Amino acid sequence: MDQVTLKNIRSSILGTFNFIFYEFMLKNLNRGWENPYQVYSELYRNEDAQLLSKVIDTMDIDRQFTMEEVDQRIKNGHLFYVTKKSEEIIGYTWYFVNRVQIKEFYATQYLEPDEVCSVNSYIKPDFRGKGIKNYMRAFEYDELGKMGYKRVSSFVFEHNKASIRTHQKWGSVQIGVIKCINILTFTYCYSTLPPNTIVFHGGPFILWKRLYHNIFNFINM
């Protein structure tokens, strides 16, 4: 754990990381969502709160959001699909509208009226490797198309090869890259995305707060 933490600190002082942005046109959807696992996706309802809270408390990755954030996101018009099997939530995906706050490099992505951005997708470990996320995506994309949306955007870390392969397999098109360079306590970012898509808060040089958190966590281990 010491080595991992020290590596994080070093990368916060001097290092690079890239995000790849993709776009999928919903008119190109040619997959069915029927599946042999009897799982289904639907929009989140208030009565799902207890089931979702259990998933959040027991997930095997860092918590992506709180229950309070669920309520606020929905009030802001974002779409939240939960995937169920036998009345148990086994996964979920958020689709943001209008804009997305990207905390990794303190920026906002602005979306077109006919566009949603897929974020915070998750499925429980026992249900991975079965193609269930493909069924989830096919059903949700079909529903989004019926709502009048025409495209789904998303972004992934460059090192997430599995997600990149999935985007390529689905026919998603790369629309740009954001490259970030850590220099001491600052991060310099630049974008190849279309103009007015991304706004960096505080300009291209961003105070890199993650350095503080990494050092603080290392000292308090």
Protein backbone atom coordinates (compact mmCIF):
# COMPACT_ATOMS: atom_id res chain seq x y z
CA MET A 1 0.00 0.00 0.00
CA ASP A 2 2.98 2.34 0.72
CA GLN A 3 4.24 1.88 -2.84
CA VAL A 4 0.83 2.60 -4.36
CA THR A 5 0.39 5.73 -2.26
CA LEU A 6 3.90 6.98 -3.01
CA LYS A 7 3.26 6.35 -6.69
CA ASN A 8 0.09 8.44 -6.48
CA ILE A 9 2.04 11.25 -4.82
CA ARG A 10 4.77 11.13 -7.47
CA SER A 11 2.21 11.17 -10.29
CA SER A 12 0.53 14.17 -8.66
CA ILE A 13 3.86 16.04 -8.71
CA LEU A 14 4.93 15.07 -12.22
CA GLY A 15 2.93 12.87 -14.55
CA THR A 16 0.41 12.76 -17.39
CA PHE A 17 -3.04 11.32 -17.88
CA ASN A 18 -5.40 11.38 -20.86
CA PHE A 19 -9.15 11.08 -21.29
CA ILE A 20 -10.65 9.80 -24.53
CA PHE A 21 -14.10 11.10 -25.49
CA TYR A 22 -16.51 8.99 -27.56
CA GLU A 23 -19.85 9.49 -29.24
CA PHE A 24 -22.45 6.90 -30.26
CA MET A 25 -25.26 7.80 -32.64
CA LEU A 26 -28.45 6.14 -31.43
CA LYS A 27 -29.72 5.67 -34.99
CA ASN A 28 -26.94 3.08 -35.37
CA LEU A 29 -28.26 0.86 -32.58
CA ASN A 30 -28.73 -2.65 -33.97
CA ARG A 31 -28.62 -4.79 -30.81
CA GLY A 32 -31.43 -6.46 -28.92
CA TRP A 33 -31.72 -6.44 -25.14
CA GLU A 34 -33.35 -9.84 -24.65
CA ASN A 35 -31.14 -11.93 -22.37
CA PRO A 36 -31.10 -15.36 -20.70
CA TYR A 37 -30.36 -13.91 -17.25
CA GLN A 38 -33.80 -12.37 -16.69
CA VAL A 39 -32.35 -8.98 -15.85
CA TYR A 40 -34.00 -5.72 -16.87
CA SER A 41 -33.35 -1.99 -16.63
CA GLU A 42 -35.76 0.75 -15.67
CA LEU A 43 -35.68 4.35 -14.54
CA TYR A 44 -34.97 4.77 -10.83
CA ARG A 45 -37.98 5.30 -8.55
CA ASN A 46 -38.15 6.59 -4.99
CA GLU A 47 -39.16 3.14 -3.77
CA ASP A 48 -35.78 1.84 -5.02
CA ALA A 49 -33.92 3.93 -2.43
CA GLN A 50 -33.35 1.15 0.11
CA LEU A 51 -32.14 -1.31 -2.53
CA LEU A 52 -29.80 1.28 -4.03
CA SER A 53 -28.41 2.31 -0.65
CA LYS A 54 -27.43 -1.32 -0.03
CA VAL A 55 -25.56 -1.45 -3.35
CA ILE A 56 -23.70 1.79 -2.62
CA ASP A 57 -22.68 0.62 0.85
CA THR A 58 -21.33 -2.75 -0.34
CA MET A 59 -19.81 -2.00 -3.76
CA ASP A 60 -16.26 -3.14 -4.47
CA ILE A 61 -15.08 0.20 -5.89
CA ASP A 62 -14.88 3.71 -4.47
CA ARG A 63 -18.30 5.23 -3.86
CA GLN A 64 -19.34 7.20 -6.94
CA PHE A 65 -22.13 9.23 -5.36
CA THR A 66 -24.31 9.49 -2.25
CA MET A 67 -28.04 9.02 -1.88
CA GLU A 68 -28.34 12.79 -1.44
CA GLU A 69 -26.61 13.26 -4.79
CA VAL A 70 -29.07 10.82 -6.39
CA ASP A 71 -31.97 13.06 -5.40
CA GLN A 72 -30.19 16.21 -6.55
CA ARG A 73 -29.13 14.74 -9.89
CA ILE A 74 -32.69 13.63 -10.64
CA LYS A 75 -34.00 17.08 -9.70
CA ASN A 76 -31.53 18.49 -12.22
CA GLY A 77 -33.10 16.33 -14.94
CA HIS A 78 -30.44 13.63 -15.24
CA LEU A 79 -31.61 10.10 -16.08
CA PHE A 80 -30.79 7.20 -13.78
CA TYR A 81 -31.32 3.62 -14.92
CA VAL A 82 -31.08 0.75 -12.44
CA THR A 83 -30.69 -2.86 -13.57
CA LYS A 84 -32.56 -5.50 -11.57
CA LYS A 85 -32.81 -9.23 -11.15
CA SER A 86 -35.49 -10.69 -8.91
CA GLU A 87 -36.19 -7.23 -7.46
CA GLU A 88 -32.53 -6.77 -6.52
CA ILE A 89 -30.49 -3.93 -8.02
CA ILE A 90 -27.39 -5.42 -9.64
CA GLY A 91 -26.16 -2.39 -11.58
CA TYR A 92 -26.88 1.12 -12.75
CA THR A 93 -25.94 3.83 -15.25
CA TRP A 94 -26.37 7.60 -15.16
CA TYR A 95 -27.13 9.63 -18.28
CA PHE A 96 -26.46 13.31 -17.75
CA VAL A 97 -28.20 16.05 -19.71
CA ASN A 98 -27.22 19.68 -20.39
CA ARG A 99 -23.78 19.49 -18.76
CA VAL A 100 -21.39 17.23 -16.86
CA GLN A 101 -19.05 18.33 -14.08
CA ILE A 102 -15.77 16.42 -14.56
CA LYS A 103 -13.98 16.48 -11.23
CA GLU A 104 -10.84 14.71 -12.47
CA PHE A 105 -9.63 17.92 -14.10
CA TYR A 106 -12.10 20.52 -12.81
CA ALA A 107 -14.01 21.12 -16.00
CA THR A 108 -17.55 21.19 -17.37
CA GLN A 109 -18.65 19.40 -20.50
CA TYR A 110 -21.59 21.09 -22.20
CA LEU A 111 -24.04 18.85 -24.05
CA GLU A 112 -26.31 19.48 -27.01
CA PRO A 113 -30.11 19.31 -26.44
CA ASP A 114 -30.27 15.95 -28.26
CA GLU A 115 -27.28 14.50 -26.38
CA VAL A 116 -26.76 12.63 -23.09
CA CYS A 117 -23.49 11.66 -21.43
CA SER A 118 -23.07 8.21 -19.90
CA VAL A 119 -21.31 8.25 -16.51
CA ASN A 120 -20.99 6.16 -13.34
CA SER A 121 -21.89 2.79 -14.87
CA TYR A 122 -21.60 -0.16 -12.47
CA ILE A 123 -22.50 -3.83 -12.18
CA LYS A 124 -22.01 -6.16 -9.22
CA PRO A 125 -19.02 -8.56 -9.41
CA ASP A 126 -21.18 -11.72 -9.55
CA PHE A 127 -22.82 -10.48 -12.75
CA ARG A 128 -19.71 -9.41 -14.64
CA GLY A 129 -18.29 -11.26 -17.62
CA LYS A 130 -21.73 -12.41 -18.81
CA GLY A 131 -22.47 -9.67 -21.30
CA ILE A 132 -25.16 -8.19 -19.06
CA LYS A 133 -23.85 -4.65 -19.44
CA ASN A 134 -24.38 -4.98 -23.19
CA TYR A 135 -28.02 -5.88 -22.59
CA MET A 136 -28.33 -2.94 -20.18
CA ARG A 137 -26.83 -0.57 -22.70
CA ALA A 138 -28.94 -1.81 -25.63
CA PHE A 139 -32.19 -1.41 -23.71
CA GLU A 140 -31.28 1.99 -22.28
CA TYR A 141 -30.08 3.31 -25.66
CA ASP A 142 -33.35 2.18 -27.22
CA GLU A 143 -35.30 4.01 -24.51
CA LEU A 144 -33.18 7.15 -24.94
CA GLY A 145 -33.89 7.10 -28.67
CA LYS A 146 -37.62 6.94 -27.99
CA MET A 147 -37.26 10.02 -25.76
CA GLY A 148 -35.84 11.96 -28.70
CA TYR A 149 -32.14 11.82 -27.90
CA LYS A 150 -29.87 11.21 -30.87
CA ARG A 151 -26.44 10.52 -29.37
CA VAL A 152 -24.65 9.33 -26.27
CA SER A 153 -21.25 10.72 -25.33
CA SER A 154 -18.83 9.27 -22.79
CA PHE A 155 -15.22 9.57 -21.67
CA VAL A 156 -12.72 7.05 -20.33
CA PHE A 157 -9.17 7.02 -18.98
CA GLU A 158 -6.68 6.12 -21.69
CA HIS A 159 -5.41 3.17 -19.61
CA ASN A 160 -8.90 1.62 -19.38
CA LYS A 161 -8.34 -0.72 -22.31
CA ALA A 162 -11.43 -2.84 -21.61
CA SER A 163 -13.74 0.17 -21.82
CA ILE A 164 -11.99 1.38 -24.97
CA ARG A 165 -12.50 -2.03 -26.61
CA THR A 166 -16.19 -1.93 -25.66
CA HIS A 167 -16.64 1.50 -27.23
CA GLN A 168 -14.92 0.34 -30.40
CA LYS A 169 -16.98 -2.86 -30.52
CA TRP A 170 -20.18 -0.85 -30.26
CA GLY A 171 -19.13 1.45 -33.06
CA SER A 172 -18.61 4.55 -30.92
CA VAL A 173 -16.52 7.23 -32.62
CA GLN A 174 -13.66 9.01 -30.88
CA ILE A 175 -14.42 12.75 -30.96
CA GLY A 176 -11.46 14.12 -29.02
CA VAL A 177 -8.93 13.79 -26.23
CA ILE A 178 -8.11 15.82 -23.15
CA LYS A 179 -4.45 15.60 -22.21
CA CYS A 180 -3.34 16.64 -18.73
CA ILE A 181 0.18 17.14 -17.39
CA ASN A 182 0.90 17.39 -13.66
CA ILE A 183 3.70 19.84 -12.82
CA LEU A 184 4.31 20.24 -9.09
CA THR A 185 0.92 21.24 -7.64
CA PHE A 186 -0.61 22.33 -10.93
CA THR A 187 -2.17 20.50 -13.83
CA TYR A 188 -2.05 21.81 -17.39
CA CYS A 189 -4.84 20.49 -19.63
CA TYR A 190 -5.61 20.97 -23.28
CA SER A 191 -8.42 19.61 -25.40
CA THR A 192 -8.88 18.42 -28.97
CA LEU A 193 -12.67 18.38 -28.56
CA PRO A 194 -14.90 20.63 -30.70
CA PRO A 195 -14.96 24.29 -29.59
CA ASN A 196 -17.20 25.22 -26.63
CA THR A 197 -17.52 21.59 -25.55
CA ILE A 198 -15.26 21.82 -22.49
CA VAL A 199 -14.66 24.72 -20.09
CA PHE A 200 -11.74 24.41 -17.66
CA HIS A 201 -12.45 26.19 -14.41
CA GLY A 202 -9.63 28.54 -13.51
CA GLY A 203 -8.07 28.43 -16.97
CA PRO A 204 -5.68 25.81 -18.40
CA PHE A 205 -3.62 25.70 -15.18
CA ILE A 206 -5.58 24.02 -12.39
CA LEU A 207 -4.53 23.73 -8.73
CA TRP A 208 -4.13 19.97 -8.24
CA LYS A 209 -5.89 19.21 -4.97
CA ARG A 210 -5.29 15.48 -5.31
CA LEU A 211 -1.66 15.99 -4.26
CA TYR A 212 -2.83 17.25 -0.87
CA HIS A 213 -5.23 14.34 -0.43
CA ASN A 214 -2.59 11.74 -1.38
CA ILE A 215 -0.04 13.17 1.04
CA PHE A 216 -2.64 13.50 3.81
CA ASN A 217 -3.79 9.89 3.36
CA PHE A 218 -0.18 8.64 3.28
CA ILE A 219 0.71 10.44 6.53
CA ASN A 220 -2.38 9.12 8.28
CA MET A 221 -1.98 5.46 7.23
